[in-house]
Amino acid sequence: MTAAEGGWNSLFTPDLGLSFWTLLTFGTMLFILGRFAWKPLLGALEAREKGIQADIDEAKRQREEAERVLAEYQAQLAEGRRQAQAVVAESREAAAKLGKELEAQAREDAQAILDAAGREIRRERDAAVKVVRTEAVELALAAAARLMAERLDGERDRQLVIGYINELSESAGFRA
């Protein structure tokens, strides 16, 4: 069997001429690709790598910025809560103070009303006592004047005074 006849065996037999041209073609292609294709491809890959690295660095920077902003926000939130609690405590304190002041004022007002009522009661009582005294004096004088006009015994005097009192009560509108 010869190489032309053999088929499969001819593929595996070494041929120096073919190997030379294959190596020369491979080297030329390698040189051309290295000169014109590899550098731009490597440059593109390098640029892509740098772009990806820049994106990663930017993402890290943004994450750090977000963490910083979050920390500031949490600090502001905590400060806001503290201030709100201080305002609530201050409001409660002010309300308690106002309540105590209003209670003290109410007690003072109540005491003033009681004092005024006591003075009014004493004044009315004194006026009533004065009226009763005046009436008693007038009654005694009138009774004495009648007794002087009629000279009678003790029983008769008593009846005369009772009758006169009844007369005065009826004329003045009082009932004895």
C-alpha atoms as a PDB file:
ATOM      1  CA  MET A   1       0.000   0.000   0.000  1.00  0.00           C
ATOM      2  CA  THR A   2       1.331   3.304  -0.954  1.00  0.00           C
ATOM      3  CA  ALA A   3       0.638   6.707   0.472  1.00  0.00           C
ATOM      4  CA  ALA A   4      -1.880   7.473  -2.217  1.00  0.00           C
ATOM      5  CA  GLU A   5      -3.555   4.208  -1.749  1.00  0.00           C
ATOM      6  CA  GLY A   6      -3.373   3.940   1.987  1.00  0.00           C
ATOM      7  CA  GLY A   7      -5.865   6.492   3.241  1.00  0.00           C
ATOM      8  CA  TRP A   8      -5.524   6.554   6.914  1.00  0.00           C
ATOM      9  CA  ASN A   9      -1.915   5.644   7.164  1.00  0.00           C
ATOM     10  CA  SER A  10      -0.851   8.557   5.003  1.00  0.00           C
ATOM     11  CA  LEU A  11      -2.191  10.949   7.588  1.00  0.00           C
ATOM     12  CA  PHE A  12       0.210   9.698  10.200  1.00  0.00           C
ATOM     13  CA  THR A  13       3.351   9.487   8.126  1.00  0.00           C
ATOM     14  CA  PRO A  14       5.723  12.429   8.514  1.00  0.00           C
ATOM     15  CA  ASP A  15       6.296  14.669   5.544  1.00  0.00           C
ATOM     16  CA  LEU A  16       9.128  17.156   6.001  1.00  0.00           C
ATOM     17  CA  GLY A  17       8.093  19.565   3.275  1.00  0.00           C
ATOM     18  CA  LEU A  18       4.581  19.813   4.594  1.00  0.00           C
ATOM     19  CA  SER A  19       5.863  20.265   8.145  1.00  0.00           C
ATOM     20  CA  PHE A  20       8.176  23.060   7.020  1.00  0.00           C
ATOM     21  CA  TRP A  21       5.418  24.948   5.238  1.00  0.00           C
ATOM     22  CA  THR A  22       3.045  24.406   8.116  1.00  0.00           C
ATOM     23  CA  LEU A  23       5.592  25.778  10.572  1.00  0.00           C
ATOM     24  CA  LEU A  24       6.378  28.707   8.289  1.00  0.00           C
ATOM     25  CA  THR A  25       2.682  29.515   7.895  1.00  0.00           C
ATOM     26  CA  PHE A  26       2.123  29.158  11.627  1.00  0.00           C
ATOM     27  CA  GLY A  27       5.075  31.443  12.430  1.00  0.00           C
ATOM     28  CA  THR A  28       3.940  34.039   9.886  1.00  0.00           C
ATOM     29  CA  MET A  29       0.429  33.985  11.217  1.00  0.00           C
ATOM     30  CA  LEU A  30       1.778  34.174  14.735  1.00  0.00           C
ATOM     31  CA  PHE A  31       3.917  37.180  13.782  1.00  0.00           C
ATOM     32  CA  ILE A  32       1.026  38.905  11.987  1.00  0.00           C
ATOM     33  CA  LEU A  33      -1.413  38.157  14.777  1.00  0.00           C
ATOM     34  CA  GLY A  34       1.141  39.215  17.409  1.00  0.00           C
ATOM     35  CA  ARG A  35       1.900  42.425  15.567  1.00  0.00           C
ATOM     36  CA  PHE A  36      -1.586  43.437  14.488  1.00  0.00           C
ATOM     37  CA  ALA A  37      -4.142  41.416  16.498  1.00  0.00           C
ATOM     38  CA  TRP A  38      -2.640  40.447  19.845  1.00  0.00           C
ATOM     39  CA  LYS A  39      -1.654  43.947  20.895  1.00  0.00           C
ATOM     40  CA  PRO A  40      -5.116  45.409  20.205  1.00  0.00           C
ATOM     41  CA  LEU A  41      -6.777  42.381  21.766  1.00  0.00           C
ATOM     42  CA  LEU A  42      -4.539  42.570  24.823  1.00  0.00           C
ATOM     43  CA  GLY A  43      -5.063  46.346  24.929  1.00  0.00           C
ATOM     44  CA  ALA A  44      -8.839  45.832  24.775  1.00  0.00           C
ATOM     45  CA  LEU A  45      -8.658  43.174  27.465  1.00  0.00           C
ATOM     46  CA  GLU A  46      -6.442  45.396  29.577  1.00  0.00           C
ATOM     47  CA  ALA A  47      -8.812  48.334  29.070  1.00  0.00           C
ATOM     48  CA  ARG A  48     -11.745  46.109  29.983  1.00  0.00           C
ATOM     49  CA  GLU A  49      -9.852  44.882  33.075  1.00  0.00           C
ATOM     50  CA  LYS A  50      -9.102  48.478  34.054  1.00  0.00           C
ATOM     51  CA  GLY A  51     -12.758  49.425  33.483  1.00  0.00           C
ATOM     52  CA  ILE A  52     -13.938  46.527  35.629  1.00  0.00           C
ATOM     53  CA  GLN A  53     -11.389  47.420  38.315  1.00  0.00           C
ATOM     54  CA  ALA A  54     -12.549  51.065  38.170  1.00  0.00           C
ATOM     55  CA  ASP A  55     -16.166  49.900  38.510  1.00  0.00           C
ATOM     56  CA  ILE A  56     -15.191  47.728  41.492  1.00  0.00           C
ATOM     57  CA  ASP A  57     -13.294  50.642  43.071  1.00  0.00           C
ATOM     58  CA  GLU A  58     -16.264  52.958  42.429  1.00  0.00           C
ATOM     59  CA  ALA A  59     -18.630  50.403  43.950  1.00  0.00           C
ATOM     60  CA  LYS A  60     -16.366  50.149  47.016  1.00  0.00           C
ATOM     61  CA  ARG A  61     -16.231  53.945  47.272  1.00  0.00           C
ATOM     62  CA  GLN A  62     -19.999  54.196  46.940  1.00  0.00           C
ATOM     63  CA  ARG A  63     -20.494  51.442  49.517  1.00  0.00           C
ATOM     64  CA  GLU A  64     -18.160  53.246  51.940  1.00  0.00           C
ATOM     65  CA  GLU A  65     -20.003  56.502  51.234  1.00  0.00           C
ATOM     66  CA  ALA A  66     -23.332  54.758  51.811  1.00  0.00           C
ATOM     67  CA  GLU A  67     -22.037  53.312  55.081  1.00  0.00           C
ATOM     68  CA  ARG A  68     -20.838  56.769  56.143  1.00  0.00           C
ATOM     69  CA  VAL A  69     -24.181  58.344  55.203  1.00  0.00           C
ATOM     70  CA  LEU A  70     -26.010  55.530  57.017  1.00  0.00           C
ATOM     71  CA  ALA A  71     -23.891  56.111  60.123  1.00  0.00           C
ATOM     72  CA  GLU A  72     -24.639  59.864  59.937  1.00  0.00           C
ATOM     73  CA  TYR A  73     -28.326  59.147  59.449  1.00  0.00           C
ATOM     74  CA  GLN A  74     -28.365  56.775  62.415  1.00  0.00           C
ATOM     75  CA  ALA A  75     -26.555  59.384  64.539  1.00  0.00           C
ATOM     76  CA  GLN A  76     -29.031  62.055  63.453  1.00  0.00           C
ATOM     77  CA  LEU A  77     -31.913  59.696  64.133  1.00  0.00           C
ATOM     78  CA  ALA A  78     -30.555  58.923  67.607  1.00  0.00           C
ATOM     79  CA  GLU A  79     -30.078  62.660  68.242  1.00  0.00           C
ATOM     80  CA  GLY A  80     -33.611  63.330  67.021  1.00  0.00           C
ATOM     81  CA  ARG A  81     -34.996  60.664  69.332  1.00  0.00           C
ATOM     82  CA  ARG A  82     -32.993  62.077  72.236  1.00  0.00           C
ATOM     83  CA  GLN A  83     -34.275  65.570  71.508  1.00  0.00           C
ATOM     84  CA  ALA A  84     -37.840  64.286  71.179  1.00  0.00           C
ATOM     85  CA  GLN A  85     -37.542  62.526  74.531  1.00  0.00           C
ATOM     86  CA  ALA A  86     -36.127  65.711  76.056  1.00  0.00           C
ATOM     87  CA  VAL A  87     -39.042  67.729  74.646  1.00  0.00           C
ATOM     88  CA  VAL A  88     -41.558  65.192  75.969  1.00  0.00           C
ATOM     89  CA  ALA A  89     -39.891  65.199  79.400  1.00  0.00           C
ATOM     90  CA  GLU A  90     -39.811  68.996  79.408  1.00  0.00           C
ATOM     91  CA  SER A  91     -43.478  69.120  78.389  1.00  0.00           C
ATOM     92  CA  ARG A  92     -44.427  66.705  81.153  1.00  0.00           C
ATOM     93  CA  GLU A  93     -42.455  68.749  83.654  1.00  0.00           C
ATOM     94  CA  ALA A  94     -44.109  71.969  82.461  1.00  0.00           C
ATOM     95  CA  ALA A  95     -47.537  70.326  82.620  1.00  0.00           C
ATOM     96  CA  ALA A  96     -46.888  69.102  86.162  1.00  0.00           C
ATOM     97  CA  LYS A  97     -45.675  72.559  87.191  1.00  0.00           C
ATOM     98  CA  LEU A  98     -48.703  74.205  85.581  1.00  0.00           C
ATOM     99  CA  GLY A  99     -50.981  71.680  87.306  1.00  0.00           C
ATOM    100  CA  LYS A 100     -49.437  72.493  90.671  1.00  0.00           C
ATOM    101  CA  GLU A 101     -49.731  76.219  90.008  1.00  0.00           C
ATOM    102  CA  LEU A 102     -53.378  75.863  88.954  1.00  0.00           C
ATOM    103  CA  GLU A 103     -54.095  73.735  92.017  1.00  0.00           C
ATOM    104  CA  ALA A 104     -52.455  76.311  94.297  1.00  0.00           C
ATOM    105  CA  GLN A 105     -54.394  79.121  92.574  1.00  0.00           C
ATOM    106  CA  ALA A 106     -57.639  77.165  92.927  1.00  0.00           C
ATOM    107  CA  ARG A 107     -56.961  76.637  96.622  1.00  0.00           C
ATOM    108  CA  GLU A 108     -56.227  80.338  97.065  1.00  0.00           C
ATOM    109  CA  ASP A 109     -59.410  81.250  95.198  1.00  0.00           C
ATOM    110  CA  ALA A 110     -61.448  78.785  97.251  1.00  0.00           C
ATOM    111  CA  GLN A 111     -59.965  80.172 100.465  1.00  0.00           C
ATOM    112  CA  ALA A 112     -60.731  83.726  99.312  1.00  0.00           C
ATOM    113  CA  ILE A 113     -64.330  82.721  98.553  1.00  0.00           C
ATOM    114  CA  LEU A 114     -64.636  81.044 101.957  1.00  0.00           C
ATOM    115  CA  ASP A 115     -63.167  84.111 103.684  1.00  0.00           C
ATOM    116  CA  ALA A 116     -65.552  86.412 101.806  1.00  0.00           C
ATOM    117  CA  ALA A 117     -68.496  84.155 102.641  1.00  0.00           C
ATOM    118  CA  GLY A 118     -67.450  84.126 106.312  1.00  0.00           C
ATOM    119  CA  ARG A 119     -67.260  87.935 106.361  1.00  0.00           C
ATOM    120  CA  GLU A 120     -70.657  88.169 104.653  1.00  0.00           C
ATOM    121  CA  ILE A 121     -72.174  85.737 107.159  1.00  0.00           C
ATOM    122  CA  ARG A 122     -70.703  87.684 110.088  1.00  0.00           C
ATOM    123  CA  ARG A 123     -71.947  90.982 108.626  1.00  0.00           C
ATOM    124  CA  GLU A 124     -75.442  89.564 108.064  1.00  0.00           C
ATOM    125  CA  ARG A 125     -75.452  88.034 111.542  1.00  0.00           C
ATOM    126  CA  ASP A 126     -74.338  91.321 113.084  1.00  0.00           C
ATOM    127  CA  ALA A 127     -77.027  93.156 111.104  1.00  0.00           C
ATOM    128  CA  ALA A 128     -79.665  90.615 112.214  1.00  0.00           C
ATOM    129  CA  VAL A 129     -78.510  90.897 115.820  1.00  0.00           C
ATOM    130  CA  LYS A 130     -78.692  94.678 115.540  1.00  0.00           C
ATOM    131  CA  VAL A 131     -82.209  94.502 114.098  1.00  0.00           C
ATOM    132  CA  VAL A 132     -83.281  92.045 116.803  1.00  0.00           C
ATOM    133  CA  ARG A 133     -81.802  94.289 119.492  1.00  0.00           C
ATOM    134  CA  THR A 134     -83.495  97.340 118.045  1.00  0.00           C
ATOM    135  CA  GLU A 135     -86.797  95.475 117.831  1.00  0.00           C
ATOM    136  CA  ALA A 136     -86.333  94.124 121.348  1.00  0.00           C
ATOM    137  CA  VAL A 137     -85.613  97.617 122.691  1.00  0.00           C
ATOM    138  CA  GLU A 138     -88.614  99.051 120.865  1.00  0.00           C
ATOM    139  CA  LEU A 139     -90.738  96.188 122.074  1.00  0.00           C
ATOM    140  CA  ALA A 140     -89.516  96.612 125.622  1.00  0.00           C
ATOM    141  CA  LEU A 141     -90.126 100.371 125.462  1.00  0.00           C
ATOM    142  CA  ALA A 142     -93.595  99.912 124.037  1.00  0.00           C
ATOM    143  CA  ALA A 143     -94.414  97.272 126.640  1.00  0.00           C
ATOM    144  CA  ALA A 144     -93.067  99.506 129.372  1.00  0.00           C
ATOM    145  CA  ALA A 145     -95.103 102.435 128.064  1.00  0.00           C
ATOM    146  CA  ARG A 146     -98.296 100.398 128.194  1.00  0.00           C
ATOM    147  CA  LEU A 147     -97.489  99.068 131.603  1.00  0.00           C
ATOM    148  CA  MET A 148     -96.951 102.576 132.790  1.00  0.00           C
ATOM    149  CA  ALA A 149    -100.224 103.635 131.318  1.00  0.00           C
ATOM    150  CA  GLU A 150    -102.037 100.832 133.128  1.00  0.00           C
ATOM    151  CA  ARG A 151    -100.954  99.834 136.527  1.00  0.00           C
ATOM    152  CA  LEU A 152    -101.929  96.225 136.917  1.00  0.00           C
ATOM    153  CA  ASP A 153    -100.732  93.134 138.768  1.00  0.00           C
ATOM    154  CA  GLY A 154     -98.023  90.651 137.514  1.00  0.00           C
ATOM    155  CA  GLU A 155    -100.459  88.327 135.746  1.00  0.00           C
ATOM    156  CA  ARG A 156    -102.220  91.185 134.076  1.00  0.00           C
ATOM    157  CA  ASP A 157     -98.835  92.724 133.047  1.00  0.00           C
ATOM    158  CA  ARG A 158     -97.741  89.470 131.469  1.00  0.00           C
ATOM    159  CA  GLN A 159    -100.953  89.111 129.486  1.00  0.00           C
ATOM    160  CA  LEU A 160    -100.704  92.717 128.354  1.00  0.00           C
ATOM    161  CA  VAL A 161     -97.095  92.245 127.086  1.00  0.00           C
ATOM    162  CA  ILE A 162     -98.015  88.980 125.255  1.00  0.00           C
ATOM    163  CA  GLY A 163    -100.996  90.678 123.638  1.00  0.00           C
ATOM    164  CA  TYR A 164     -98.892  93.636 122.578  1.00  0.00           C
ATOM    165  CA  ILE A 165     -96.248  91.311 121.092  1.00  0.00           C
ATOM    166  CA  ASN A 166     -98.941  89.467 119.172  1.00  0.00           C
ATOM    167  CA  GLU A 167    -100.279  92.776 117.854  1.00  0.00           C
ATOM    168  CA  LEU A 168     -96.825  93.835 116.679  1.00  0.00           C
ATOM    169  CA  SER A 169     -96.209  90.456 115.084  1.00  0.00           C
ATOM    170  CA  GLU A 170     -99.457  90.617 113.116  1.00  0.00           C
ATOM    171  CA  SER A 171     -98.899  94.225 112.021  1.00  0.00           C
ATOM    172  CA  ALA A 172     -95.292  93.542 110.973  1.00  0.00           C
ATOM    173  CA  GLY A 173     -96.180  90.252 109.273  1.00  0.00           C
ATOM    174  CA  PHE A 174     -94.398  87.996 111.803  1.00  0.00           C
ATOM    175  CA  ARG A 175     -95.830  85.002 113.585  1.00  0.00           C
ATOM    176  CA  ALA A 176     -94.844  84.320 117.185  1.00  0.00           C
END
